[in-house]
């Protein structure tokens, strides 16, 4: 790899490396980790955590709520506590402005480049998910291939 290309790759990955370090430093009670919007598998690589990836749509919010209640995964480095009261969410700047995500109560924990790290109470996520379902939206995660890492 040429030096310029290597420098560009390093700087592009720097925000994900930094947010991964923050995740490892502040994770409470084996919180579950999700990434909303831009899907970056390198978050899994740098954090060594199981990551639930979902789009920034209404369906993505409902999917995340349902998957946290039913989709149980473990790996040799991470065994999330799926019953824990909160979760960590990496969300890109564009997705934070989407109405369904901006309305959920969240604690801002950090920002690196375009990526924000939030802590969300699962009860708030579930409550807003139920509201969206009552408004006519449906989950679609069971009809598509989801990540398994």
C-alpha atoms as a PDB file:
ATOM      1  CA  UNK A   1       0.000   0.000   0.000  1.00  0.00           C
ATOM      2  CA  UNK A   2       1.407   3.400  -0.933  1.00  0.00           C
ATOM      3  CA  UNK A   3       2.215   5.832   1.918  1.00  0.00           C
ATOM      4  CA  UNK A   4      -0.503   8.275   0.826  1.00  0.00           C
ATOM      5  CA  UNK A   5      -3.118   5.530   0.651  1.00  0.00           C
ATOM      6  CA  UNK A   6      -2.027   4.181   4.037  1.00  0.00           C
ATOM      7  CA  UNK A   7      -2.279   7.682   5.562  1.00  0.00           C
ATOM      8  CA  UNK A   8      -5.757   8.192   4.091  1.00  0.00           C
ATOM      9  CA  UNK A   9      -6.903   4.800   5.375  1.00  0.00           C
ATOM     10  CA  UNK A  10      -5.489   5.493   8.839  1.00  0.00           C
ATOM     11  CA  UNK A  11      -7.165   8.898   9.117  1.00  0.00           C
ATOM     12  CA  UNK A  12     -10.483   7.524   7.830  1.00  0.00           C
ATOM     13  CA  UNK A  13     -10.437   4.793  10.481  1.00  0.00           C
ATOM     14  CA  UNK A  14      -9.258   7.044  13.323  1.00  0.00           C
ATOM     15  CA  UNK A  15     -12.773   8.108  14.470  1.00  0.00           C
ATOM     16  CA  UNK A  16     -13.864   4.450  14.677  1.00  0.00           C
ATOM     17  CA  UNK A  17     -10.747   3.485  16.610  1.00  0.00           C
ATOM     18  CA  UNK A  18     -11.292   6.363  19.042  1.00  0.00           C
ATOM     19  CA  UNK A  19     -14.976   5.643  19.581  1.00  0.00           C
ATOM     20  CA  UNK A  20     -14.145   1.949  20.085  1.00  0.00           C
ATOM     21  CA  UNK A  21     -11.654   2.860  22.796  1.00  0.00           C
ATOM     22  CA  UNK A  22     -14.288   5.021  24.498  1.00  0.00           C
ATOM     23  CA  UNK A  23     -16.794   2.144  24.314  1.00  0.00           C
ATOM     24  CA  UNK A  24     -14.345  -0.170  26.076  1.00  0.00           C
ATOM     25  CA  UNK A  25     -13.607   2.475  28.724  1.00  0.00           C
ATOM     26  CA  UNK A  26     -17.206   3.381  29.638  1.00  0.00           C
ATOM     27  CA  UNK A  27     -19.262   0.267  28.939  1.00  0.00           C
ATOM     28  CA  UNK A  28     -21.472  -0.517  31.943  1.00  0.00           C
ATOM     29  CA  UNK A  29     -22.688  -3.973  32.891  1.00  0.00           C
ATOM     30  CA  UNK A  30     -21.779  -5.599  29.556  1.00  0.00           C
ATOM     31  CA  UNK A  31     -24.121  -3.250  27.672  1.00  0.00           C
ATOM     32  CA  UNK A  32     -25.188  -4.243  24.178  1.00  0.00           C
ATOM     33  CA  UNK A  33     -23.686  -2.230  21.313  1.00  0.00           C
ATOM     34  CA  UNK A  34     -25.538  -1.033  18.206  1.00  0.00           C
ATOM     35  CA  UNK A  35     -24.578   1.033  15.175  1.00  0.00           C
ATOM     36  CA  UNK A  36     -27.218   3.098  13.416  1.00  0.00           C
ATOM     37  CA  UNK A  37     -26.962   4.481   9.896  1.00  0.00           C
ATOM     38  CA  UNK A  38     -23.633   3.887   8.229  1.00  0.00           C
ATOM     39  CA  UNK A  39     -22.676   0.228   8.589  1.00  0.00           C
ATOM     40  CA  UNK A  40     -18.994  -0.052   9.498  1.00  0.00           C
ATOM     41  CA  UNK A  41     -17.867  -3.603  10.343  1.00  0.00           C
ATOM     42  CA  UNK A  42     -14.582  -2.106  11.521  1.00  0.00           C
ATOM     43  CA  UNK A  43     -16.450  -1.030  14.693  1.00  0.00           C
ATOM     44  CA  UNK A  44     -16.730  -4.726  15.545  1.00  0.00           C
ATOM     45  CA  UNK A  45     -13.042  -5.218  14.712  1.00  0.00           C
ATOM     46  CA  UNK A  46     -11.744  -2.324  16.837  1.00  0.00           C
ATOM     47  CA  UNK A  47     -14.112  -2.743  19.801  1.00  0.00           C
ATOM     48  CA  UNK A  48     -14.129  -6.573  19.807  1.00  0.00           C
ATOM     49  CA  UNK A  49     -17.810  -6.301  20.721  1.00  0.00           C
ATOM     50  CA  UNK A  50     -20.895  -7.826  19.161  1.00  0.00           C
ATOM     51  CA  UNK A  51     -22.549  -5.028  17.176  1.00  0.00           C
ATOM     52  CA  UNK A  52     -26.174  -4.851  16.066  1.00  0.00           C
ATOM     53  CA  UNK A  53     -26.279  -2.868  12.799  1.00  0.00           C
ATOM     54  CA  UNK A  54     -29.525  -1.206  11.747  1.00  0.00           C
ATOM     55  CA  UNK A  55     -30.522   1.495   9.251  1.00  0.00           C
ATOM     56  CA  UNK A  56     -31.633   4.908  10.489  1.00  0.00           C
ATOM     57  CA  UNK A  57     -35.233   4.297   9.388  1.00  0.00           C
ATOM     58  CA  UNK A  58     -38.352   3.773  11.490  1.00  0.00           C
ATOM     59  CA  UNK A  59     -38.094   0.067  10.686  1.00  0.00           C
ATOM     60  CA  UNK A  60     -34.482   0.083  11.858  1.00  0.00           C
ATOM     61  CA  UNK A  61     -35.544   1.424  15.253  1.00  0.00           C
ATOM     62  CA  UNK A  62     -38.238  -1.256  15.576  1.00  0.00           C
ATOM     63  CA  UNK A  63     -35.752  -3.917  14.391  1.00  0.00           C
ATOM     64  CA  UNK A  64     -33.243  -2.928  17.050  1.00  0.00           C
ATOM     65  CA  UNK A  65     -35.860  -3.074  19.792  1.00  0.00           C
ATOM     66  CA  UNK A  66     -37.022  -6.535  18.697  1.00  0.00           C
ATOM     67  CA  UNK A  67     -33.537  -7.924  18.111  1.00  0.00           C
ATOM     68  CA  UNK A  68     -32.349  -6.867  21.558  1.00  0.00           C
ATOM     69  CA  UNK A  69     -35.190  -8.944  22.990  1.00  0.00           C
ATOM     70  CA  UNK A  70     -34.770 -12.033  20.779  1.00  0.00           C
ATOM     71  CA  UNK A  71     -31.442 -12.208  18.909  1.00  0.00           C
ATOM     72  CA  UNK A  72     -28.880 -13.630  21.343  1.00  0.00           C
ATOM     73  CA  UNK A  73     -25.267 -13.817  20.250  1.00  0.00           C
ATOM     74  CA  UNK A  74     -21.974 -14.318  22.028  1.00  0.00           C
ATOM     75  CA  UNK A  75     -18.410 -14.495  20.869  1.00  0.00           C
ATOM     76  CA  UNK A  76     -15.205 -15.460  22.606  1.00  0.00           C
ATOM     77  CA  UNK A  77     -14.482 -11.863  23.635  1.00  0.00           C
ATOM     78  CA  UNK A  78     -17.964 -10.518  24.313  1.00  0.00           C
ATOM     79  CA  UNK A  79     -20.975 -11.863  26.157  1.00  0.00           C
ATOM     80  CA  UNK A  80     -23.437  -8.955  26.334  1.00  0.00           C
ATOM     81  CA  UNK A  81     -26.008  -8.777  29.102  1.00  0.00           C
ATOM     82  CA  UNK A  82     -29.126  -8.554  26.959  1.00  0.00           C
ATOM     83  CA  UNK A  83     -31.228  -7.804  30.046  1.00  0.00           C
ATOM     84  CA  UNK A  84     -29.171  -4.752  31.056  1.00  0.00           C
ATOM     85  CA  UNK A  85     -31.196  -1.536  31.320  1.00  0.00           C
ATOM     86  CA  UNK A  86     -29.271   0.455  28.696  1.00  0.00           C
ATOM     87  CA  UNK A  87     -27.347   0.049  25.469  1.00  0.00           C
ATOM     88  CA  UNK A  88     -24.585   1.930  23.692  1.00  0.00           C
ATOM     89  CA  UNK A  89     -25.366   3.326  20.246  1.00  0.00           C
ATOM     90  CA  UNK A  90     -22.892   4.580  17.663  1.00  0.00           C
ATOM     91  CA  UNK A  91     -24.863   6.841  15.347  1.00  0.00           C
ATOM     92  CA  UNK A  92     -23.641   8.991  12.477  1.00  0.00           C
ATOM     93  CA  UNK A  93     -24.325  12.721  12.387  1.00  0.00           C
ATOM     94  CA  UNK A  94     -26.929  12.479   9.606  1.00  0.00           C
ATOM     95  CA  UNK A  95     -28.900   9.807  11.463  1.00  0.00           C
ATOM     96  CA  UNK A  96     -29.014  11.900  14.660  1.00  0.00           C
ATOM     97  CA  UNK A  97     -31.203  14.380  12.784  1.00  0.00           C
ATOM     98  CA  UNK A  98     -33.775  11.767  11.788  1.00  0.00           C
ATOM     99  CA  UNK A  99     -36.943  12.361  13.786  1.00  0.00           C
ATOM    100  CA  UNK A 100     -37.292   8.829  15.158  1.00  0.00           C
ATOM    101  CA  UNK A 101     -33.768   8.831  16.589  1.00  0.00           C
ATOM    102  CA  UNK A 102     -33.673  12.441  17.800  1.00  0.00           C
ATOM    103  CA  UNK A 103     -36.851  11.924  19.850  1.00  0.00           C
ATOM    104  CA  UNK A 104     -35.395   9.117  21.967  1.00  0.00           C
ATOM    105  CA  UNK A 105     -33.911  10.268  25.250  1.00  0.00           C
ATOM    106  CA  UNK A 106     -30.177   9.673  25.174  1.00  0.00           C
ATOM    107  CA  UNK A 107     -27.004  10.548  27.000  1.00  0.00           C
ATOM    108  CA  UNK A 108     -24.253  11.895  24.744  1.00  0.00           C
ATOM    109  CA  UNK A 109     -20.990  10.213  25.680  1.00  0.00           C
ATOM    110  CA  UNK A 110     -18.650  11.316  22.915  1.00  0.00           C
ATOM    111  CA  UNK A 111     -18.174  12.378  19.311  1.00  0.00           C
ATOM    112  CA  UNK A 112     -15.393  11.425  16.915  1.00  0.00           C
ATOM    113  CA  UNK A 113     -15.598  12.662  13.331  1.00  0.00           C
ATOM    114  CA  UNK A 114     -19.137  11.983  12.126  1.00  0.00           C
ATOM    115  CA  UNK A 115     -19.807   9.346  14.791  1.00  0.00           C
ATOM    116  CA  UNK A 116     -21.611   9.986  18.077  1.00  0.00           C
ATOM    117  CA  UNK A 117     -21.759   7.620  21.031  1.00  0.00           C
ATOM    118  CA  UNK A 118     -25.038   7.609  22.953  1.00  0.00           C
ATOM    119  CA  UNK A 119     -26.363   5.666  25.910  1.00  0.00           C
ATOM    120  CA  UNK A 120     -30.061   4.867  25.530  1.00  0.00           C
ATOM    121  CA  UNK A 121     -32.342   3.279  28.094  1.00  0.00           C
ATOM    122  CA  UNK A 122     -33.921   0.154  26.640  1.00  0.00           C
ATOM    123  CA  UNK A 123     -37.284   1.163  28.111  1.00  0.00           C
ATOM    124  CA  UNK A 124     -37.192   4.396  26.043  1.00  0.00           C
ATOM    125  CA  UNK A 125     -36.245   2.490  22.883  1.00  0.00           C
ATOM    126  CA  UNK A 126     -39.031  -0.049  23.441  1.00  0.00           C
ATOM    127  CA  UNK A 127     -41.595   2.654  24.175  1.00  0.00           C
ATOM    128  CA  UNK A 128     -40.841   4.566  20.979  1.00  0.00           C
ATOM    129  CA  UNK A 129     -40.750   1.316  19.001  1.00  0.00           C
ATOM    130  CA  UNK A 130     -44.269   0.471  20.203  1.00  0.00           C
ATOM    131  CA  UNK A 131     -45.407   3.961  19.176  1.00  0.00           C
ATOM    132  CA  UNK A 132     -44.012   3.426  15.665  1.00  0.00           C
ATOM    133  CA  UNK A 133     -45.693   0.016  15.390  1.00  0.00           C
ATOM    134  CA  UNK A 134     -49.020   1.590  16.397  1.00  0.00           C
ATOM    135  CA  UNK A 135     -48.381   4.206  13.693  1.00  0.00           C
ATOM    136  CA  UNK A 136     -48.209   1.471  11.037  1.00  0.00           C
ATOM    137  CA  UNK A 137     -44.508   0.673  10.753  1.00  0.00           C
ATOM    138  CA  UNK A 138     -43.262  -2.938  10.889  1.00  0.00           C
ATOM    139  CA  UNK A 139     -39.978  -4.649  11.575  1.00  0.00           C
ATOM    140  CA  UNK A 140     -38.230  -6.293   8.661  1.00  0.00           C
ATOM    141  CA  UNK A 141     -35.127  -7.859  10.195  1.00  0.00           C
ATOM    142  CA  UNK A 142     -36.445 -11.417   9.954  1.00  0.00           C
ATOM    143  CA  UNK A 143     -36.874 -10.983   6.181  1.00  0.00           C
ATOM    144  CA  UNK A 144     -33.282  -9.978   5.493  1.00  0.00           C
ATOM    145  CA  UNK A 145     -29.812 -11.235   6.163  1.00  0.00           C
ATOM    146  CA  UNK A 146     -28.459  -9.701   9.374  1.00  0.00           C
ATOM    147  CA  UNK A 147     -24.875  -9.703  10.557  1.00  0.00           C
ATOM    148  CA  UNK A 148     -23.654 -12.619  12.630  1.00  0.00           C
ATOM    149  CA  UNK A 149     -20.405 -11.241  14.017  1.00  0.00           C
END
